[in-house]
Protein backbone atom coordinates (compact mmCIF):
# COMPACT_ATOMS: atom_id res chain seq x y z
CA MET A 1 0.00 0.00 0.00
CA ASN A 2 1.33 3.39 -0.98
CA ASN A 3 1.72 5.62 2.06
CA ARG A 4 1.94 8.77 -0.06
CA GLN A 5 -1.28 10.75 -0.23
CA ALA A 6 -2.43 13.86 -1.97
CA PRO A 7 -1.85 17.15 -0.14
CA SER A 8 -5.59 17.51 0.51
CA GLY A 9 -5.65 14.06 2.09
CA GLU A 10 -2.70 14.98 4.29
CA ARG A 11 -4.51 18.07 5.53
CA SER A 12 -7.70 16.11 6.24
CA ILE A 13 -5.91 13.34 8.15
CA SER A 14 -3.83 15.88 10.02
CA TRP A 15 -6.95 17.68 11.26
CA ILE A 16 -8.71 14.44 12.22
CA ASP A 17 -5.61 13.27 14.11
CA ARG A 18 -5.43 16.56 15.98
CA LEU A 19 -9.15 16.47 16.86
CA GLY A 20 -8.91 12.83 17.95
CA HIS A 21 -5.90 13.65 20.11
CA ALA A 22 -7.74 16.56 21.70
CA LEU A 23 -10.76 14.41 22.49
CA SER A 24 -8.88 11.37 23.76
CA GLY A 25 -8.89 11.49 27.53
CA PRO A 26 -9.39 14.63 29.60
CA PRO A 27 -8.43 17.66 27.41
CA ALA A 28 -5.51 19.48 28.97
CA ASP A 29 -6.48 22.83 27.49
CA LEU A 30 -9.99 23.85 26.38
CA SER A 31 -8.65 26.75 24.35
CA ALA A 32 -6.55 24.30 22.33
CA LEU A 33 -9.69 22.35 21.45
CA VAL A 34 -11.38 25.56 20.31
CA GLU A 35 -8.40 26.33 18.08
CA VAL A 36 -8.71 22.88 16.48
CA LEU A 37 -12.39 23.53 15.78
CA ARG A 38 -11.63 26.95 14.29
CA ASP A 39 -8.96 25.35 12.14
CA ALA A 40 -11.61 22.89 10.94
CA HIS A 41 -13.83 25.83 10.03
CA GLN A 42 -11.05 27.47 8.03
CA ARG A 43 -10.52 24.21 6.15
CA GLY A 44 -14.22 24.03 5.28
CA LEU A 45 -14.95 21.02 7.50
CA LEU A 46 -17.29 23.04 9.75
CA ASP A 47 -19.61 25.83 8.66
CA ALA A 48 -19.80 29.07 10.63
CA ASP A 49 -23.12 28.27 12.32
CA ALA A 50 -21.89 24.89 13.52
CA LEU A 51 -18.70 26.44 14.90
CA VAL A 52 -20.64 29.11 16.80
CA MET A 53 -22.94 26.52 18.36
CA ILE A 54 -20.10 24.20 19.33
CA GLU A 55 -18.23 27.08 20.94
CA GLY A 56 -21.47 28.04 22.69
CA VAL A 57 -21.84 24.52 24.09
CA LEU A 58 -18.27 24.60 25.38
CA GLU A 59 -18.82 28.00 26.99
CA VAL A 60 -22.10 26.90 28.62
CA SER A 61 -20.31 24.00 30.29
CA GLU A 62 -17.99 26.54 31.96
CA MET A 63 -20.58 29.19 32.85
CA GLN A 64 -22.71 29.56 35.95
CA VAL A 65 -26.19 30.95 36.44
CA ARG A 66 -24.81 34.17 37.96
CA ASP A 67 -23.15 34.92 34.59
CA ILE A 68 -26.43 35.33 32.68
CA MET A 69 -29.22 35.86 35.23
CA VAL A 70 -31.52 38.86 35.27
CA SER A 71 -30.76 40.72 38.48
CA ARG A 72 -33.43 41.13 41.17
CA SER A 73 -33.76 44.86 40.52
CA GLN A 74 -34.42 44.22 36.82
CA MET A 75 -37.07 41.52 37.27
CA VAL A 76 -40.56 42.32 35.98
CA VAL A 77 -42.78 41.18 38.85
CA VAL A 78 -46.39 40.96 39.96
CA GLU A 79 -47.38 41.78 43.53
CA ARG A 80 -49.65 39.33 45.34
CA ASN A 81 -52.36 41.91 46.07
CA TRP A 82 -52.63 43.33 42.54
CA ASP A 83 -55.94 43.14 40.72
CA LEU A 84 -56.33 42.20 37.05
CA GLU A 85 -56.47 45.81 35.85
CA THR A 86 -53.06 46.45 37.43
CA ILE A 87 -51.44 43.27 36.11
CA LEU A 88 -52.53 43.42 32.45
CA PRO A 89 -50.62 46.62 31.53
CA VAL A 90 -47.43 45.12 33.02
CA ILE A 91 -47.85 42.00 30.90
CA ALA A 92 -48.65 43.97 27.75
CA GLU A 93 -45.67 46.30 28.15
CA SER A 94 -43.07 43.65 29.00
CA ALA A 95 -44.34 41.01 26.53
CA HIS A 96 -43.12 38.25 28.87
CA SER A 97 -45.07 35.07 29.49
CA ARG A 98 -44.00 34.33 33.10
CA PHE A 99 -43.76 36.65 36.08
CA PRO A 100 -42.48 36.16 39.64
CA VAL A 101 -45.11 36.97 42.26
CA ILE A 102 -43.65 38.83 45.22
CA GLY A 103 -44.81 39.55 48.75
CA ASP A 104 -43.62 42.54 50.72
CA SER A 105 -40.42 42.94 48.63
CA ARG A 106 -38.57 41.50 45.66
CA SER A 107 -36.63 39.27 48.02
CA GLU A 108 -39.86 37.40 48.82
CA VAL A 109 -40.89 35.38 45.76
CA LEU A 110 -44.09 33.44 46.44
CA GLY A 111 -44.43 31.74 43.07
CA LEU A 112 -45.06 32.44 39.39
CA VAL A 113 -47.99 33.62 37.35
CA LEU A 114 -48.34 32.74 33.65
CA ALA A 115 -49.91 35.21 31.26
CA LYS A 116 -51.99 32.45 29.65
CA ASP A 117 -53.61 31.66 33.00
CA LEU A 118 -55.17 35.13 33.00
CA LEU A 119 -56.98 34.70 29.68
CA PRO A 120 -60.11 33.10 31.19
CA TYR A 121 -60.52 36.12 33.46
CA CYS A 122 -60.22 38.50 30.51
CA LEU A 123 -62.84 36.69 28.43
CA ASN A 124 -65.67 36.49 30.93
CA GLU A 125 -67.15 38.31 33.88
CA LYS A 126 -64.88 36.71 36.49
CA ALA A 127 -62.45 39.64 36.51
CA ALA A 128 -64.07 41.06 39.63
CA ASP A 129 -63.41 37.80 41.47
CA PHE A 130 -59.78 37.56 40.34
CA SER A 131 -57.03 36.88 42.89
CA VAL A 132 -53.38 36.25 42.15
CA ARG A 133 -53.50 33.35 44.60
CA ASP A 134 -55.95 31.55 42.31
CA VAL A 135 -53.42 31.35 39.47
CA LEU A 136 -50.22 31.12 41.51
CA ARG A 137 -47.83 28.38 40.38
CA PRO A 138 -44.86 27.09 42.39
CA ALA A 139 -41.45 28.57 41.63
CA VAL A 140 -38.20 26.65 41.22
CA PHE A 141 -35.26 28.01 43.22
CA ILE A 142 -31.64 27.40 42.17
CA PRO A 143 -28.24 28.63 43.43
CA GLU A 144 -26.16 31.23 41.60
CA SER A 145 -23.36 28.69 41.27
CA LYS A 146 -25.37 26.16 39.25
CA ARG A 147 -23.70 25.39 35.91
CA LEU A 148 -25.71 26.23 32.80
CA ASN A 149 -25.37 22.80 31.19
CA VAL A 150 -26.82 21.20 34.34
CA LEU A 151 -29.59 23.82 34.47
CA LEU A 152 -30.53 23.18 30.84
CA LYS A 153 -30.80 19.47 31.57
CA ASP A 154 -33.02 20.21 34.58
CA PHE A 155 -35.22 22.56 32.54
CA ARG A 156 -35.77 19.84 29.95
CA ALA A 157 -36.52 17.17 32.56
CA SER A 158 -38.94 19.27 34.61
CA ARG A 159 -40.42 21.23 31.68
CA ASN A 160 -39.92 24.44 33.63
CA HIS A 161 -38.96 27.55 31.68
CA MET A 162 -38.00 29.87 34.54
CA ALA A 163 -36.10 29.54 37.81
CA ILE A 164 -35.57 31.99 40.66
CA VAL A 165 -31.89 32.42 41.56
CA VAL A 166 -30.84 32.64 45.21
CA ASP A 167 -27.51 33.54 46.77
CA GLU A 168 -25.56 31.61 49.38
CA TYR A 169 -27.71 33.06 52.16
CA GLY A 170 -30.99 32.08 50.51
CA GLY A 171 -31.87 35.59 49.37
CA VAL A 172 -33.33 36.16 45.91
CA SER A 173 -30.69 37.55 43.56
CA GLY A 174 -32.47 37.26 40.21
CA LEU A 175 -34.06 34.90 37.71
CA VAL A 176 -33.05 32.88 34.66
CA THR A 177 -35.06 31.34 31.82
CA ILE A 178 -34.47 28.47 29.43
CA GLU A 179 -34.25 31.02 26.62
CA ASP A 180 -31.36 32.74 28.41
CA VAL A 181 -29.44 29.46 28.42
CA LEU A 182 -30.24 28.54 24.82
CA GLU A 183 -29.15 31.98 23.60
CA GLN A 184 -25.67 31.27 24.95
CA ILE A 185 -25.51 28.39 22.45
CA VAL A 186 -27.40 29.50 19.36
CA GLY A 187 -27.32 33.28 19.76
CA ASP A 188 -30.23 35.69 20.13
CA ILE A 189 -33.64 34.00 19.78
CA SER A 190 -36.18 36.25 18.09
CA ASP A 191 -39.89 36.09 18.76
CA GLU A 192 -42.98 37.96 17.62
CA HIS A 193 -42.06 40.90 19.84
CA ASP A 194 -38.59 41.35 18.36
CA ILE A 195 -37.68 43.72 15.58
CA ASP A 196 -37.94 42.80 11.90
CA GLU A 197 -34.75 42.05 10.03
CA ASP A 198 -35.32 45.21 7.96
CA GLY A 199 -36.36 47.46 10.85
CA ASN A 200 -34.41 49.25 13.55
CA ILE A 201 -37.15 50.58 15.83
CA MET A 202 -40.24 48.85 17.20
CA ARG A 203 -42.88 50.96 18.92
CA HIS A 204 -44.78 49.29 21.79
CA SER A 205 -46.58 52.35 23.13
CA GLU A 206 -46.29 56.12 23.08
CA HIS A 207 -43.20 56.09 25.27
CA HIS A 208 -41.82 52.54 25.03
CA PHE A 209 -39.72 51.16 22.19
CA THR A 210 -37.25 48.41 21.32
CA ILE A 211 -34.36 49.46 19.10
CA LYS A 212 -31.36 47.81 17.53
CA ALA A 213 -28.00 49.05 18.77
CA LEU A 214 -26.93 49.44 15.12
CA THR A 215 -29.64 52.05 14.51
CA PRO A 216 -27.95 55.07 12.88
CA ILE A 217 -27.99 58.12 15.16
CA GLU A 218 -29.27 60.16 12.23
CA ASP A 219 -32.36 57.91 11.93
CA PHE A 220 -32.86 57.98 15.70
CA ASN A 221 -32.79 61.78 15.74
CA GLU A 222 -35.23 61.97 12.85
CA TYR A 223 -37.70 59.59 14.47
CA PHE A 224 -37.59 60.96 18.02
CA GLY A 225 -36.81 64.60 17.32
CA SER A 226 -33.56 64.36 19.30
CA GLU A 227 -30.25 66.07 18.57
CA PHE A 228 -27.57 63.51 19.42
CA SER A 229 -24.28 64.13 17.64
CA ASP A 230 -23.09 61.55 15.11
CA GLU A 231 -19.64 63.07 14.65
CA GLU A 232 -17.89 60.59 16.95
CA PHE A 233 -20.20 57.57 16.57
CA ASP A 234 -22.56 56.53 13.79
CA THR A 235 -24.87 54.25 15.78
CA VAL A 236 -26.93 54.41 18.95
CA GLY A 237 -24.91 51.50 20.33
CA GLY A 238 -21.69 53.48 20.00
CA LEU A 239 -23.28 56.44 21.75
CA ILE A 240 -24.49 54.26 24.63
CA MET A 241 -21.10 52.59 25.08
CA ARG A 242 -19.40 55.98 25.25
CA GLU A 243 -21.80 57.16 27.95
CA PHE A 244 -21.39 53.96 29.97
CA GLY A 245 -17.62 54.05 29.62
CA HIS A 246 -17.60 50.25 29.21
CA LEU A 247 -19.43 47.48 27.36
CA PRO A 248 -22.63 47.16 29.43
CA LYS A 249 -24.25 43.86 30.28
CA ARG A 250 -27.91 42.97 29.96
CA GLY A 251 -30.10 44.81 32.42
CA GLU A 252 -27.85 47.88 32.82
CA THR A 253 -29.68 51.18 32.32
CA LEU A 254 -28.66 54.70 31.37
CA GLU A 255 -30.58 57.95 30.88
CA ILE A 256 -29.51 60.58 28.36
CA GLY A 257 -31.50 63.74 27.73
CA GLY A 258 -34.90 62.31 28.61
CA PHE A 259 -34.26 58.92 26.99
CA GLN A 260 -33.75 55.89 29.23
CA PHE A 261 -31.89 52.99 27.59
CA LYS A 262 -31.86 49.47 29.01
CA VAL A 263 -29.61 46.77 27.56
CA LEU A 264 -31.68 43.77 26.45
CA HIS A 265 -28.98 41.80 24.65
CA SER A 266 -25.21 42.09 24.36
CA ASP A 267 -22.23 39.78 24.08
CA SER A 268 -18.54 40.06 24.88
CA ARG A 269 -17.94 42.31 21.87
CA ARG A 270 -20.89 44.62 21.26
CA LEU A 271 -24.46 45.67 22.02
CA HIS A 272 -27.33 44.15 20.09
CA LEU A 273 -30.72 45.23 21.43
CA LEU A 274 -31.93 48.10 23.63
CA GLN A 275 -35.16 48.94 25.41
CA LEU A 276 -36.02 52.62 25.18
CA THR A 277 -38.30 54.59 27.47
CA VAL A 278 -38.98 58.15 26.34
CA ARG A 279 -39.33 60.37 29.39
CA LYS A 280 -39.59 63.61 27.41
CA LYS A 281 -43.06 65.17 27.45
CA GLU A 282 -42.90 65.97 23.76
CA LEU A 283 -42.25 63.09 21.38
CA ALA A 284 -41.80 63.86 17.70
CA ALA A 285 -44.32 61.80 15.74
CA SER A 286 -43.89 60.71 12.15
CA SER A 287 -46.56 58.92 10.18
CA GLU A 288 -43.89 57.46 7.91
CA GLN A 289 -41.84 56.16 10.87
CA PRO A 290 -38.34 56.64 9.41
CA GLY A 291 -35.48 54.32 10.22
CA GLY A 292 -37.49 51.18 9.54
CA ALA A 293 -39.74 51.62 12.58
CA ARG A 294 -43.04 49.80 12.96
CA ASP A 295 -45.78 49.51 15.54
CA ALA A 296 -45.99 46.35 17.59
CA GLY A 297 -49.15 44.38 16.96
CA CYS A 298 -51.55 43.19 19.64
């Protein structure tokens, strides 16, 4: 048998040998394994999407709940004594499907309420008899130190989609959802409340919007009647990062000239999605909605 092979065959076998060596026994260096996978991508053996997901899986195995959780102060909650008329606007504005129910403070989580459980009360005359206790579901509590790969497995086994995160003393420190974990693997997961591929601004109400961080400052100014300078930065994301002085994480907020920005999605390199609350009394309206804006449907 001729041991000589074509150059392409040599490259293929070389990569397979390196990958097999990296996977045989406990890997000594995770970063070395990632380099092998990136080398495979450069050789056309892995496409870009597969590489991103594999790297995401490797990162999830090293991450803990505290790395991605929504902090206690940023949780959208329902109080146990609220009536239906108080709860519905909160649900409509946040567009979430699950909400922690709190007692006297955010550190006292009594359970969860699901938006779908409120539909029967909205469709008949039982609204007057509504009580949060009637629709309260038990909450799952997990420690901040729980690894994401273990949490994902638990989510799948229990069919829960949300867990309340507690610190070492048993106090509530935040919450995490199955979507938060999956986004670490596959990237941002869009739903019907997210912005179109061709749009930059989604209007939820008169003063509440979701905008892409890549929205040009010029389009932002035209839509909202603002006067932010675009001499130093071209996008809203660049402007926000300058004001923060660092790359902000999800949940961090900042107010500039009557506009409150909250980071909805970011990674280790840049901002992706922002929640905007317009606190100015006068909001410039445009029937054409420049900058690719659109109204959110019901």
